[in-house]
Amino acid sequence: MGLGVGIFLIAVGAVLAFAVHLSSAGGVDLHTVGYILMAVGALGVLLSLIFWSSWMGPGGHRPHQYEP
């Protein structure tokens, strides 16, 4: 999961948790689903930022390894 997907999940989760005013839709509590999506999105963003340097991020370069 990348940074963009994590931010998208946080946004969708926030809409479901705070902006939707239905108590349940087909037996599913949308507020709980929203909180779960926000948690998964936040975890994805956090992991993306932690491992950003190992993935080299945009514009990153690896030094050339010269063999003698």
PDB file of N, CA and C in Angstrom:
ATOM      1  N   MET A   1       0.852  -1.164   0.000  1.00  0.00           N
ATOM      2  CA  MET A   1       0.000   0.000   0.000  1.00  0.00           C
ATOM      3  C   MET A   1       0.895   1.222   0.000  1.00  0.00           C
ATOM      4  N   GLY A   2       0.639   2.112  -0.892  1.00  0.00           N
ATOM      5  CA  GLY A   2       1.447   3.311  -0.988  1.00  0.00           C
ATOM      6  C   GLY A   2       0.880   4.456  -0.176  1.00  0.00           C
ATOM      7  N   LEU A   3       1.558   5.554  -0.256  1.00  0.00           N
ATOM      8  CA  LEU A   3       1.161   6.746   0.479  1.00  0.00           C
ATOM      9  C   LEU A   3      -0.199   7.264  -0.002  1.00  0.00           C
ATOM     10  N   GLY A   4      -0.400   7.270  -1.301  1.00  0.00           N
ATOM     11  CA  GLY A   4      -1.662   7.769  -1.855  1.00  0.00           C
ATOM     12  C   GLY A   4      -2.855   6.919  -1.461  1.00  0.00           C
ATOM     13  N   VAL A   5      -2.680   5.603  -1.467  1.00  0.00           N
ATOM     14  CA  VAL A   5      -3.767   4.704  -1.083  1.00  0.00           C
ATOM     15  C   VAL A   5      -4.098   4.890   0.394  1.00  0.00           C
ATOM     16  N   GLY A   6      -3.084   5.067   1.222  1.00  0.00           N
ATOM     17  CA  GLY A   6      -3.321   5.292   2.642  1.00  0.00           C
ATOM     18  C   GLY A   6      -4.107   6.569   2.898  1.00  0.00           C
ATOM     19  N   ILE A   7      -3.744   7.635   2.217  1.00  0.00           N
ATOM     20  CA  ILE A   7      -4.459   8.903   2.367  1.00  0.00           C
ATOM     21  C   ILE A   7      -5.887   8.772   1.864  1.00  0.00           C
ATOM     22  N   PHE A   8      -6.073   8.033   0.770  1.00  0.00           N
ATOM     23  CA  PHE A   8      -7.420   7.801   0.232  1.00  0.00           C
ATOM     24  C   PHE A   8      -8.277   7.035   1.243  1.00  0.00           C
ATOM     25  N   LEU A   9      -7.709   6.002   1.865  1.00  0.00           N
ATOM     26  CA  LEU A   9      -8.464   5.232   2.855  1.00  0.00           C
ATOM     27  C   LEU A   9      -8.826   6.082   4.068  1.00  0.00           C
ATOM     28  N   ILE A  10      -7.928   6.956   4.480  1.00  0.00           N
ATOM     29  CA  ILE A  10      -8.237   7.853   5.598  1.00  0.00           C
ATOM     30  C   ILE A  10      -9.393   8.773   5.230  1.00  0.00           C
ATOM     31  N   ALA A  11      -9.377   9.308   4.016  1.00  0.00           N
ATOM     32  CA  ALA A  11     -10.437  10.222   3.578  1.00  0.00           C
ATOM     33  C   ALA A  11     -11.787   9.510   3.492  1.00  0.00           C
ATOM     34  N   VAL A  12     -11.809   8.319   2.899  1.00  0.00           N
ATOM     35  CA  VAL A  12     -13.070   7.569   2.780  1.00  0.00           C
ATOM     36  C   VAL A  12     -13.566   7.172   4.166  1.00  0.00           C
ATOM     37  N   GLY A  13     -12.656   6.750   5.023  1.00  0.00           N
ATOM     38  CA  GLY A  13     -13.047   6.392   6.379  1.00  0.00           C
ATOM     39  C   GLY A  13     -13.612   7.571   7.152  1.00  0.00           C
ATOM     40  N   ALA A  14     -13.014   8.743   6.979  1.00  0.00           N
ATOM     41  CA  ALA A  14     -13.515   9.938   7.666  1.00  0.00           C
ATOM     42  C   ALA A  14     -14.910  10.304   7.177  1.00  0.00           C
ATOM     43  N   VAL A  15     -15.149  10.161   5.893  1.00  0.00           N
ATOM     44  CA  VAL A  15     -16.491  10.446   5.365  1.00  0.00           C
ATOM     45  C   VAL A  15     -17.502   9.474   5.962  1.00  0.00           C
ATOM     46  N   LEU A  16     -17.157   8.193   5.990  1.00  0.00           N
ATOM     47  CA  LEU A  16     -18.093   7.214   6.555  1.00  0.00           C
ATOM     48  C   LEU A  16     -18.292   7.409   8.059  1.00  0.00           C
ATOM     49  N   ALA A  17     -17.238   7.762   8.771  1.00  0.00           N
ATOM     50  CA  ALA A  17     -17.339   7.883  10.226  1.00  0.00           C
ATOM     51  C   ALA A  17     -18.036   9.171  10.664  1.00  0.00           C
ATOM     52  N   PHE A  18     -17.826  10.260   9.946  1.00  0.00           N
ATOM     53  CA  PHE A  18     -18.302  11.549  10.434  1.00  0.00           C
ATOM     54  C   PHE A  18     -19.402  12.193   9.590  1.00  0.00           C
ATOM     55  N   ALA A  19     -19.504  11.853   8.312  1.00  0.00           N
ATOM     56  CA  ALA A  19     -20.445  12.567   7.455  1.00  0.00           C
ATOM     57  C   ALA A  19     -21.689  11.761   7.104  1.00  0.00           C
ATOM     58  N   VAL A  20     -21.631  10.451   7.203  1.00  0.00           N
ATOM     59  CA  VAL A  20     -22.787   9.620   6.872  1.00  0.00           C
ATOM     60  C   VAL A  20     -23.645   9.486   8.120  1.00  0.00           C
ATOM     61  N   HIS A  21     -24.939   9.748   7.965  1.00  0.00           N
ATOM     62  CA  HIS A  21     -25.836   9.756   9.122  1.00  0.00           C
ATOM     63  C   HIS A  21     -26.833   8.603   9.073  1.00  0.00           C
ATOM     64  N   LEU A  22     -26.369   7.435   8.670  1.00  0.00           N
ATOM     65  CA  LEU A  22     -27.195   6.234   8.726  1.00  0.00           C
ATOM     66  C   LEU A  22     -26.744   5.402   9.914  1.00  0.00           C
ATOM     67  N   SER A  23     -27.707   4.826  10.626  1.00  0.00           N
ATOM     68  CA  SER A  23     -27.325   4.005  11.775  1.00  0.00           C
ATOM     69  C   SER A  23     -26.738   2.670  11.320  1.00  0.00           C
ATOM     70  N   SER A  24     -27.305   2.080  10.277  1.00  0.00           N
ATOM     71  CA  SER A  24     -26.745   0.849   9.728  1.00  0.00           C
ATOM     72  C   SER A  24     -27.260   0.677   8.311  1.00  0.00           C
ATOM     73  N   ALA A  25     -26.484   0.031   7.494  1.00  0.00           N
ATOM     74  CA  ALA A  25     -26.876  -0.236   6.112  1.00  0.00           C
ATOM     75  C   ALA A  25     -26.752  -1.738   5.887  1.00  0.00           C
ATOM     76  N   GLY A  26     -27.866  -2.420   5.909  1.00  0.00           N
ATOM     77  CA  GLY A  26     -27.849  -3.866   5.708  1.00  0.00           C
ATOM     78  C   GLY A  26     -27.176  -4.617   6.850  1.00  0.00           C
ATOM     79  N   GLY A  27     -27.280  -4.111   8.062  1.00  0.00           N
ATOM     80  CA  GLY A  27     -26.684  -4.767   9.207  1.00  0.00           C
ATOM     81  C   GLY A  27     -25.232  -4.415   9.454  1.00  0.00           C
ATOM     82  N   VAL A  28     -24.664  -3.507   8.663  1.00  0.00           N
ATOM     83  CA  VAL A  28     -23.263  -3.102   8.825  1.00  0.00           C
ATOM     84  C   VAL A  28     -23.236  -1.684   9.380  1.00  0.00           C
ATOM     85  N   ASP A  29     -22.524  -1.487  10.471  1.00  0.00           N
ATOM     86  CA  ASP A  29     -22.402  -0.157  11.055  1.00  0.00           C
ATOM     87  C   ASP A  29     -21.346   0.629  10.278  1.00  0.00           C
ATOM     88  N   LEU A  30     -21.800   1.634   9.526  1.00  0.00           N
ATOM     89  CA  LEU A  30     -20.890   2.387   8.661  1.00  0.00           C
ATOM     90  C   LEU A  30     -19.891   3.226   9.453  1.00  0.00           C
ATOM     91  N   HIS A  31     -20.252   3.642  10.646  1.00  0.00           N
ATOM     92  CA  HIS A  31     -19.310   4.409  11.474  1.00  0.00           C
ATOM     93  C   HIS A  31     -18.118   3.539  11.871  1.00  0.00           C
ATOM     94  N   THR A  32     -18.396   2.280  12.229  1.00  0.00           N
ATOM     95  CA  THR A  32     -17.315   1.369  12.585  1.00  0.00           C
ATOM     96  C   THR A  32     -16.435   1.069  11.382  1.00  0.00           C
ATOM     97  N   VAL A  33     -17.044   0.871  10.227  1.00  0.00           N
ATOM     98  CA  VAL A  33     -16.271   0.646   9.001  1.00  0.00           C
ATOM     99  C   VAL A  33     -15.393   1.853   8.711  1.00  0.00           C
ATOM    100  N   GLY A  34     -15.913   3.051   8.931  1.00  0.00           N
ATOM    101  CA  GLY A  34     -15.134   4.268   8.723  1.00  0.00           C
ATOM    102  C   GLY A  34     -13.930   4.345   9.636  1.00  0.00           C
ATOM    103  N   TYR A  35     -14.119   3.997  10.908  1.00  0.00           N
ATOM    104  CA  TYR A  35     -12.996   4.013  11.846  1.00  0.00           C
ATOM    105  C   TYR A  35     -11.951   2.966  11.479  1.00  0.00           C
ATOM    106  N   ILE A  36     -12.405   1.808  11.026  1.00  0.00           N
ATOM    107  CA  ILE A  36     -11.471   0.757  10.607  1.00  0.00           C
ATOM    108  C   ILE A  36     -10.676   1.209   9.384  1.00  0.00           C
ATOM    109  N   LEU A  37     -11.345   1.823   8.410  1.00  0.00           N
ATOM    110  CA  LEU A  37     -10.639   2.312   7.218  1.00  0.00           C
ATOM    111  C   LEU A  37      -9.634   3.401   7.577  1.00  0.00           C
ATOM    112  N   MET A  38      -9.989   4.281   8.504  1.00  0.00           N
ATOM    113  CA  MET A  38      -9.040   5.318   8.920  1.00  0.00           C
ATOM    114  C   MET A  38      -7.827   4.709   9.610  1.00  0.00           C
ATOM    115  N   ALA A  39      -8.040   3.680  10.421  1.00  0.00           N
ATOM    116  CA  ALA A  39      -6.918   3.028  11.105  1.00  0.00           C
ATOM    117  C   ALA A  39      -6.003   2.318  10.117  1.00  0.00           C
ATOM    118  N   VAL A  40      -6.588   1.608   9.158  1.00  0.00           N
ATOM    119  CA  VAL A  40      -5.780   0.908   8.157  1.00  0.00           C
ATOM    120  C   VAL A  40      -5.031   1.914   7.286  1.00  0.00           C
ATOM    121  N   GLY A  41      -5.686   3.010   6.908  1.00  0.00           N
ATOM    122  CA  GLY A  41      -5.024   4.045   6.126  1.00  0.00           C
ATOM    123  C   GLY A  41      -3.888   4.700   6.874  1.00  0.00           C
ATOM    124  N   ALA A  42      -4.097   4.984   8.163  1.00  0.00           N
ATOM    125  CA  ALA A  42      -3.036   5.595   8.969  1.00  0.00           C
ATOM    126  C   ALA A  42      -1.852   4.644   9.115  1.00  0.00           C
ATOM    127  N   LEU A  43      -2.136   3.357   9.296  1.00  0.00           N
ATOM    128  CA  LEU A  43      -1.059   2.373   9.380  1.00  0.00           C
ATOM    129  C   LEU A  43      -0.290   2.299   8.061  1.00  0.00           C
ATOM    130  N   GLY A  44      -1.009   2.347   6.944  1.00  0.00           N
ATOM    131  CA  GLY A  44      -0.352   2.329   5.637  1.00  0.00           C
ATOM    132  C   GLY A  44       0.519   3.545   5.403  1.00  0.00           C
ATOM    133  N   VAL A  45       0.033   4.724   5.795  1.00  0.00           N
ATOM    134  CA  VAL A  45       0.827   5.952   5.655  1.00  0.00           C
ATOM    135  C   VAL A  45       2.060   5.880   6.540  1.00  0.00           C
ATOM    136  N   LEU A  46       1.885   5.409   7.764  1.00  0.00           N
ATOM    137  CA  LEU A  46       3.006   5.309   8.686  1.00  0.00           C
ATOM    138  C   LEU A  46       4.074   4.349   8.154  1.00  0.00           C
ATOM    139  N   LEU A  47       3.659   3.188   7.671  1.00  0.00           N
ATOM    140  CA  LEU A  47       4.621   2.230   7.130  1.00  0.00           C
ATOM    141  C   LEU A  47       5.296   2.766   5.868  1.00  0.00           C
ATOM    142  N   SER A  48       4.541   3.495   5.049  1.00  0.00           N
ATOM    143  CA  SER A  48       5.140   4.090   3.852  1.00  0.00           C
ATOM    144  C   SER A  48       6.217   5.099   4.218  1.00  0.00           C
ATOM    145  N   LEU A  49       5.974   5.887   5.255  1.00  0.00           N
ATOM    146  CA  LEU A  49       6.963   6.877   5.664  1.00  0.00           C
ATOM    147  C   LEU A  49       8.169   6.230   6.332  1.00  0.00           C
ATOM    148  N   ILE A  50       7.939   5.144   7.072  1.00  0.00           N
ATOM    149  CA  ILE A  50       9.051   4.462   7.724  1.00  0.00           C
ATOM    150  C   ILE A  50       9.983   3.832   6.692  1.00  0.00           C
ATOM    151  N   PHE A  51       9.395   3.190   5.683  1.00  0.00           N
ATOM    152  CA  PHE A  51      10.198   2.486   4.691  1.00  0.00           C
ATOM    153  C   PHE A  51      10.506   3.326   3.459  1.00  0.00           C
ATOM    154  N   TRP A  52      10.247   4.622   3.490  1.00  0.00           N
ATOM    155  CA  TRP A  52      10.446   5.499   2.332  1.00  0.00           C
ATOM    156  C   TRP A  52      11.894   5.469   1.854  1.00  0.00           C
ATOM    157  N   SER A  53      12.842   5.500   2.771  1.00  0.00           N
ATOM    158  CA  SER A  53      14.247   5.545   2.364  1.00  0.00           C
ATOM    159  C   SER A  53      14.694   4.230   1.748  1.00  0.00           C
ATOM    160  N   SER A  54      14.138   3.122   2.184  1.00  0.00           N
ATOM    161  CA  SER A  54      14.542   1.851   1.579  1.00  0.00           C
ATOM    162  C   SER A  54      13.926   1.672   0.198  1.00  0.00           C
ATOM    163  N   TRP A  55      12.789   2.338  -0.058  1.00  0.00           N
ATOM    164  CA  TRP A  55      12.179   2.259  -1.386  1.00  0.00           C
ATOM    165  C   TRP A  55      12.753   3.314  -2.324  1.00  0.00           C
ATOM    166  N   MET A  56      13.581   4.175  -1.824  1.00  0.00           N
ATOM    167  CA  MET A  56      14.242   5.256  -2.547  1.00  0.00           C
ATOM    168  C   MET A  56      13.305   6.388  -2.935  1.00  0.00           C
ATOM    169  N   GLY A  57      12.039   6.277  -2.714  1.00  0.00           N
ATOM    170  CA  GLY A  57      11.130   7.388  -2.965  1.00  0.00           C
ATOM    171  C   GLY A  57      11.270   7.951  -4.370  1.00  0.00           C
ATOM    172  N   PRO A  58      10.514   8.981  -4.687  1.00  0.00           N
ATOM    173  CA  PRO A  58      10.642   9.584  -6.002  1.00  0.00           C
ATOM    174  C   PRO A  58      11.951  10.365  -6.126  1.00  0.00           C
ATOM    175  N   GLY A  59      12.630  10.178  -7.208  1.00  0.00           N
ATOM    176  CA  GLY A  59      13.860  10.918  -7.461  1.00  0.00           C
ATOM    177  C   GLY A  59      15.083  10.367  -6.763  1.00  0.00           C
ATOM    178  N   GLY A  60      14.926   9.273  -6.046  1.00  0.00           N
ATOM    179  CA  GLY A  60      16.067   8.699  -5.360  1.00  0.00           C
ATOM    180  C   GLY A  60      16.964   7.948  -6.307  1.00  0.00           C
ATOM    181  N   HIS A  61      18.209   7.818  -5.971  1.00  0.00           N
ATOM    182  CA  HIS A  61      19.132   7.072  -6.810  1.00  0.00           C
ATOM    183  C   HIS A  61      20.012   6.212  -5.928  1.00  0.00           C
ATOM    184  N   ARG A  62      20.456   5.137  -6.484  1.00  0.00           N
ATOM    185  CA  ARG A  62      21.355   4.244  -5.759  1.00  0.00           C
ATOM    186  C   ARG A  62      22.767   4.471  -6.266  1.00  0.00           C
ATOM    187  N   PRO A  63      23.710   4.508  -5.374  1.00  0.00           N
ATOM    188  CA  PRO A  63      25.097   4.688  -5.819  1.00  0.00           C
ATOM    189  C   PRO A  63      25.561   3.474  -6.615  1.00  0.00           C
ATOM    190  N   HIS A  64      26.382   3.731  -7.595  1.00  0.00           N
ATOM    191  CA  HIS A  64      26.913   2.644  -8.416  1.00  0.00           C
ATOM    192  C   HIS A  64      27.948   1.861  -7.616  1.00  0.00           C
ATOM    193  N   GLN A  65      27.877   0.567  -7.764  1.00  0.00           N
ATOM    194  CA  GLN A  65      28.859  -0.268  -7.106  1.00  0.00           C
ATOM    195  C   GLN A  65      29.842  -0.744  -8.172  1.00  0.00           C
ATOM    196  N   TYR A  66      31.057  -0.287  -8.046  1.00  0.00           N
ATOM    197  CA  TYR A  66      32.081  -0.648  -9.016  1.00  0.00           C
ATOM    198  C   TYR A  66      32.831  -1.873  -8.531  1.00  0.00           C
ATOM    199  N   GLU A  67      32.970  -2.817  -9.409  1.00  0.00           N
ATOM    200  CA  GLU A  67      33.710  -4.027  -9.062  1.00  0.00           C
ATOM    201  C   GLU A  67      35.116  -3.919  -9.658  1.00  0.00           C
ATOM    202  N   PRO A  68      36.107  -4.262  -8.878  1.00  0.00           N
ATOM    203  CA  PRO A  68      37.490  -4.158  -9.387  1.00  0.00           C
ATOM    204  C   PRO A  68      37.808  -5.218 -10.422  1.00  0.00           C
TER     205      PRO A  68
END
